[in-house]
Amino acid sequence: MSQASIPGTTRLIDIVFPGATNHHGTLFGGAGLAHMDRVAFIAAARHARADFVTASCERIDFVAPAKLGEIIELTGRVVRVGRRSLGIEVELVAEALSGERRRCTSGVFNMVSVVTPAAMPPPPDHTPEEPGVLRMADLVMPEQTSHYGSLYGGSALSTMAKAAFVEATRRAHRAVVMAASRYVAFTRQLRPGEVAEIEARLVEVGRSSMTIATHLWSENLATGERHECGAGEFVMVAVGADHRPVTIDPPADR
């Protein structure tokens, strides 16, 4: 079990796949709003260790699109505290292969606790994140579980592989594909309503390949208790338009 502190910012990272796009080939607004609401819920529950529902959201303007195949990063943080409510500011940013980032939208979600907490904590201080480590969190939903009532192994693998893809894409600034999974081990179940948090770190770079180590954690939103549930290592390869391996450029500071 880990009692590591949770940063003041909750981060959800996803990829714009065809199932989440509209007929223009960009992220469907409803899908973006659903992501924002999930981040707001996780951020609120982490802050107060209570169950929340969405009461309202303040003006949300979409000022730029997130295109098919791009990475989307959503961040949520507490900006307002009431007697039994929290205001969570959520921002959605799109990231292209080149590394160019554009702010797509932002807004404040007003979350209300289903029970009155003894005392709502004040907004947290920002906790600096460990450099070189990608962290992304999401809620375990019932449709992701197996007949045992815990997170299905395939869903866990998909989430870990997605984190590896994002980390490799950000390093190569090129399209990447999975070449191999060196190992994956699961050590603990995740239940619906828990947060699944993935840590991904680049551990090796070859001519066209990158090895990404991932760790899967569970977090009980009611208690804050965290457990490591699994780990894996994925080999991702940078490819060109013909889907053949291409050389990865060295970091700019070398």
Protein backbone atom coordinates (compact mmCIF):
# COMPACT_ATOMS: atom_id res chain seq x y z
CA MET A 1 0.00 0.00 0.00
CA SER A 2 1.17 3.52 -0.72
CA GLN A 3 0.24 6.66 1.18
CA ALA A 4 1.85 8.92 -1.41
CA SER A 5 0.25 12.35 -1.56
CA ILE A 6 -2.15 13.12 -4.39
CA PRO A 7 -1.29 16.23 -6.42
CA GLY A 8 -3.72 19.14 -6.27
CA THR A 9 -4.47 18.52 -9.96
CA THR A 10 -6.28 15.45 -11.32
CA ARG A 11 -5.28 14.50 -14.86
CA LEU A 12 -7.11 12.32 -17.38
CA ILE A 13 -5.42 11.61 -20.73
CA ASP A 14 -7.08 9.97 -23.71
CA ILE A 15 -6.75 9.65 -27.47
CA VAL A 16 -9.37 10.81 -29.96
CA PHE A 17 -10.48 7.58 -31.62
CA PRO A 18 -13.12 7.35 -34.41
CA GLY A 19 -15.87 6.32 -31.98
CA ALA A 20 -15.56 9.67 -30.17
CA THR A 21 -15.57 11.90 -33.28
CA ASN A 22 -18.34 13.73 -35.09
CA HIS A 23 -18.87 13.88 -38.85
CA HIS A 24 -16.23 16.62 -39.06
CA GLY A 25 -13.53 14.22 -37.80
CA THR A 26 -13.05 16.10 -34.52
CA LEU A 27 -13.88 15.22 -30.92
CA PHE A 28 -17.66 15.16 -30.41
CA GLY A 29 -18.62 17.87 -27.94
CA GLY A 30 -20.68 15.47 -25.84
CA ALA A 31 -17.71 13.12 -25.49
CA GLY A 32 -15.54 16.03 -24.38
CA LEU A 33 -18.13 17.10 -21.79
CA ALA A 34 -18.37 13.54 -20.46
CA HIS A 35 -14.59 13.45 -19.97
CA MET A 36 -14.70 16.82 -18.20
CA ASP A 37 -17.44 15.65 -15.87
CA ARG A 38 -15.46 12.51 -14.92
CA VAL A 39 -12.41 14.59 -14.08
CA ALA A 40 -14.55 16.94 -11.99
CA PHE A 41 -16.02 14.02 -10.05
CA ILE A 42 -12.62 12.44 -9.35
CA ALA A 43 -11.12 15.78 -8.28
CA ALA A 44 -14.06 16.50 -5.94
CA ALA A 45 -14.09 13.02 -4.38
CA ARG A 46 -10.32 13.08 -3.89
CA HIS A 47 -10.55 16.43 -2.17
CA ALA A 48 -13.39 15.78 0.28
CA ARG A 49 -13.42 11.93 0.42
CA ALA A 50 -17.17 12.02 -0.15
CA ASP A 51 -19.57 10.99 -2.92
CA PHE A 52 -20.59 13.78 -5.31
CA VAL A 53 -23.10 14.48 -8.05
CA THR A 54 -22.89 17.18 -10.71
CA ALA A 55 -25.24 20.09 -9.95
CA SER A 56 -24.33 22.43 -12.83
CA CYS A 57 -21.51 23.64 -15.00
CA GLU A 58 -20.70 27.23 -15.79
CA ARG A 59 -20.23 28.53 -19.31
CA ILE A 60 -18.20 26.15 -21.46
CA ASP A 61 -17.04 27.48 -24.83
CA PHE A 62 -15.28 25.24 -27.33
CA VAL A 63 -12.64 27.48 -28.88
CA ALA A 64 -10.55 24.91 -30.79
CA PRO A 65 -11.10 21.34 -32.03
CA ALA A 66 -9.39 18.14 -30.94
CA LYS A 67 -8.71 16.16 -34.10
CA LEU A 68 -8.83 12.43 -34.80
CA GLY A 69 -5.69 10.72 -33.49
CA GLU A 70 -4.64 13.56 -31.22
CA ILE A 71 -3.99 13.24 -27.50
CA ILE A 72 -6.41 15.05 -25.20
CA GLU A 73 -5.39 16.01 -21.68
CA LEU A 74 -7.96 17.09 -19.11
CA THR A 75 -7.01 18.61 -15.77
CA GLY A 76 -9.28 19.32 -12.83
CA ARG A 77 -8.60 21.30 -9.66
CA VAL A 78 -10.65 22.68 -6.78
CA VAL A 79 -11.19 26.44 -7.07
CA ARG A 80 -14.21 27.02 -4.81
CA VAL A 81 -15.35 25.44 -1.55
CA GLY A 82 -18.85 25.68 -0.06
CA ARG A 83 -20.60 24.03 2.86
CA ARG A 84 -21.32 20.87 0.87
CA SER A 85 -20.29 21.86 -2.65
CA LEU A 86 -17.09 22.25 -4.62
CA GLY A 87 -16.29 24.20 -7.75
CA ILE A 88 -13.91 22.23 -9.97
CA GLU A 89 -12.16 24.03 -12.81
CA VAL A 90 -11.59 21.66 -15.73
CA GLU A 91 -9.50 22.38 -18.81
CA LEU A 92 -9.30 20.29 -21.99
CA VAL A 93 -6.16 20.59 -24.13
CA ALA A 94 -5.44 18.83 -27.44
CA GLU A 95 -1.93 17.76 -28.38
CA ALA A 96 -0.76 17.02 -31.93
CA LEU A 97 2.04 14.66 -32.96
CA SER A 98 4.36 17.64 -33.30
CA GLY A 99 3.86 18.44 -29.62
CA GLU A 100 1.78 21.53 -30.43
CA ARG A 101 -0.84 22.01 -27.72
CA ARG A 102 -4.05 23.97 -28.04
CA ARG A 103 -6.63 24.78 -25.38
CA CYS A 104 -10.00 23.49 -26.58
CA THR A 105 -12.27 24.46 -23.71
CA SER A 106 -12.54 24.99 -19.99
CA GLY A 107 -15.25 25.50 -17.41
CA VAL A 108 -16.22 25.14 -13.78
CA PHE A 109 -18.29 22.15 -12.66
CA ASN A 110 -20.29 22.59 -9.46
CA MET A 111 -20.27 19.31 -7.55
CA VAL A 112 -22.53 18.67 -4.56
CA SER A 113 -21.90 16.04 -1.89
CA VAL A 114 -24.74 13.54 -1.43
CA VAL A 115 -24.12 13.76 2.34
CA THR A 116 -22.96 16.78 4.32
CA PRO A 117 -19.28 16.34 5.22
CA ALA A 118 -18.15 17.23 8.74
CA ALA A 119 -16.01 20.01 7.28
CA MET A 120 -15.15 20.66 3.64
CA PRO A 121 -11.36 21.07 3.31
CA PRO A 122 -10.00 24.31 1.81
CA PRO A 123 -8.56 24.27 -1.74
CA PRO A 124 -5.27 22.32 -1.72
CA ASP A 125 -1.83 23.67 -2.46
CA HIS A 126 -0.35 22.54 -5.75
CA THR A 127 1.98 19.55 -5.35
CA PRO A 128 4.77 19.49 -7.96
CA GLU A 129 4.72 16.30 -10.01
CA GLU A 130 7.71 14.03 -10.42
CA PRO A 131 9.49 14.98 -13.66
CA GLY A 132 9.74 12.33 -16.35
CA VAL A 133 6.68 10.40 -15.16
CA LEU A 134 3.32 10.47 -16.95
CA ARG A 135 0.33 10.08 -14.62
CA MET A 136 -3.21 9.62 -15.81
CA ALA A 137 -6.29 8.69 -13.80
CA ASP A 138 -9.77 7.48 -14.66
CA LEU A 139 -12.77 6.01 -12.91
CA VAL A 140 -13.44 2.25 -13.09
CA MET A 141 -16.95 1.96 -14.54
CA PRO A 142 -19.24 -1.13 -14.35
CA GLU A 143 -19.00 -1.81 -18.09
CA GLN A 144 -15.24 -2.31 -17.70
CA THR A 145 -15.62 -5.13 -15.20
CA SER A 146 -15.66 -8.89 -15.66
CA HIS A 147 -18.22 -11.38 -14.30
CA TYR A 148 -16.17 -11.35 -11.07
CA GLY A 149 -17.14 -7.71 -10.49
CA SER A 150 -13.61 -6.33 -10.82
CA LEU A 151 -11.75 -4.51 -13.60
CA TYR A 152 -11.46 -6.85 -16.59
CA GLY A 153 -7.85 -7.70 -17.44
CA GLY A 154 -8.33 -6.61 -21.04
CA SER A 155 -9.56 -3.19 -19.90
CA ALA A 156 -6.54 -2.84 -17.59
CA LEU A 157 -4.19 -3.82 -20.42
CA SER A 158 -5.84 -1.29 -22.72
CA THR A 159 -5.34 1.49 -20.17
CA MET A 160 -1.69 0.59 -19.56
CA ALA A 161 -1.01 0.37 -23.30
CA LYS A 162 -2.67 3.76 -23.83
CA ALA A 163 -0.34 5.33 -21.25
CA ALA A 164 2.65 3.75 -23.00
CA PHE A 165 1.40 5.08 -26.35
CA VAL A 166 1.04 8.62 -25.00
CA GLU A 167 4.47 8.61 -23.36
CA ALA A 168 6.14 7.23 -26.52
CA THR A 169 4.30 9.67 -28.80
CA ARG A 170 5.42 12.61 -26.68
CA ARG A 171 9.03 11.40 -26.82
CA ALA A 172 9.16 10.65 -30.57
CA HIS A 173 6.77 13.33 -31.91
CA ARG A 174 5.85 10.71 -34.48
CA ALA A 175 3.18 8.07 -34.99
CA VAL A 176 3.96 5.04 -32.83
CA VAL A 177 2.68 1.47 -32.75
CA MET A 178 3.08 -1.30 -30.20
CA ALA A 179 5.72 -3.86 -31.14
CA ALA A 180 5.70 -6.03 -28.01
CA SER A 181 4.71 -6.37 -24.41
CA ARG A 182 7.72 -7.70 -22.51
CA TYR A 183 5.70 -8.59 -19.44
CA VAL A 184 2.49 -7.74 -17.60
CA ALA A 185 1.63 -8.82 -14.06
CA PHE A 186 -1.52 -8.12 -12.04
CA THR A 187 -1.35 -8.34 -8.26
CA ARG A 188 -4.64 -6.88 -6.99
CA GLN A 189 -8.20 -6.30 -8.20
CA LEU A 190 -9.77 -2.92 -8.92
CA ARG A 191 -13.45 -2.43 -8.12
CA PRO A 192 -16.08 -0.22 -9.79
CA GLY A 193 -16.03 3.29 -8.37
CA GLU A 194 -12.30 3.18 -7.62
CA VAL A 195 -9.80 5.31 -9.50
CA ALA A 196 -7.32 3.51 -11.73
CA GLU A 197 -4.14 5.56 -11.98
CA ILE A 198 -1.38 4.70 -14.43
CA GLU A 199 2.22 5.79 -14.13
CA ALA A 200 4.31 5.52 -17.31
CA ARG A 201 8.03 6.15 -17.62
CA LEU A 202 10.43 5.95 -20.58
CA VAL A 203 13.20 3.53 -19.61
CA GLU A 204 15.02 2.79 -22.88
CA VAL A 205 15.37 4.38 -26.32
CA GLY A 206 16.70 2.57 -29.39
CA ARG A 207 17.05 3.63 -33.01
CA SER A 208 13.31 3.49 -33.65
CA SER A 209 11.94 1.83 -30.50
CA MET A 210 11.10 2.98 -26.99
CA THR A 211 10.51 0.85 -23.91
CA ILE A 212 7.89 2.20 -21.52
CA ALA A 213 7.45 0.88 -17.97
CA THR A 214 3.95 1.22 -16.53
CA HIS A 215 2.48 0.79 -13.07
CA LEU A 216 -1.22 0.47 -12.27
CA TRP A 217 -2.59 1.79 -8.96
CA SER A 218 -6.01 1.72 -7.36
CA GLU A 219 -7.37 4.48 -5.16
CA ASN A 220 -10.39 4.20 -2.90
CA LEU A 221 -12.10 7.57 -3.23
CA ALA A 222 -13.79 7.27 0.17
CA THR A 223 -10.62 6.62 2.18
CA GLY A 224 -7.72 7.64 -0.07
CA GLU A 225 -6.15 4.20 0.38
CA ARG A 226 -3.92 3.29 -2.57
CA HIS A 227 -2.56 -0.06 -3.72
CA GLU A 228 -0.31 -1.12 -6.57
CA CYS A 229 -2.34 -3.50 -8.72
CA GLY A 230 -0.05 -4.31 -11.62
CA ALA A 231 2.93 -3.44 -13.77
CA GLY A 232 4.03 -3.93 -17.34
CA GLU A 233 6.60 -3.03 -19.95
CA PHE A 234 5.72 -2.15 -23.53
CA VAL A 235 7.92 -1.66 -26.60
CA MET A 236 6.64 1.06 -28.92
CA VAL A 237 8.08 1.75 -32.38
CA ALA A 238 8.01 5.05 -34.28
CA VAL A 239 6.69 4.64 -37.83
CA GLY A 240 6.39 6.76 -40.95
CA ALA A 241 3.51 7.21 -43.38
CA ASP A 242 4.28 3.77 -44.87
CA HIS A 243 4.09 2.19 -41.41
CA ARG A 244 7.75 1.25 -41.50
CA PRO A 245 10.06 2.02 -38.56
CA VAL A 246 11.77 5.42 -38.63
CA THR A 247 14.67 6.82 -36.64
CA ILE A 248 13.82 8.70 -33.47
CA ASP A 249 15.44 12.11 -33.17
CA PRO A 250 17.61 12.63 -30.07
CA PRO A 251 16.29 14.99 -27.38
CA ALA A 252 16.68 18.67 -28.25
CA ASP A 253 18.96 19.33 -25.27
CA ARG A 254 21.60 16.85 -26.36
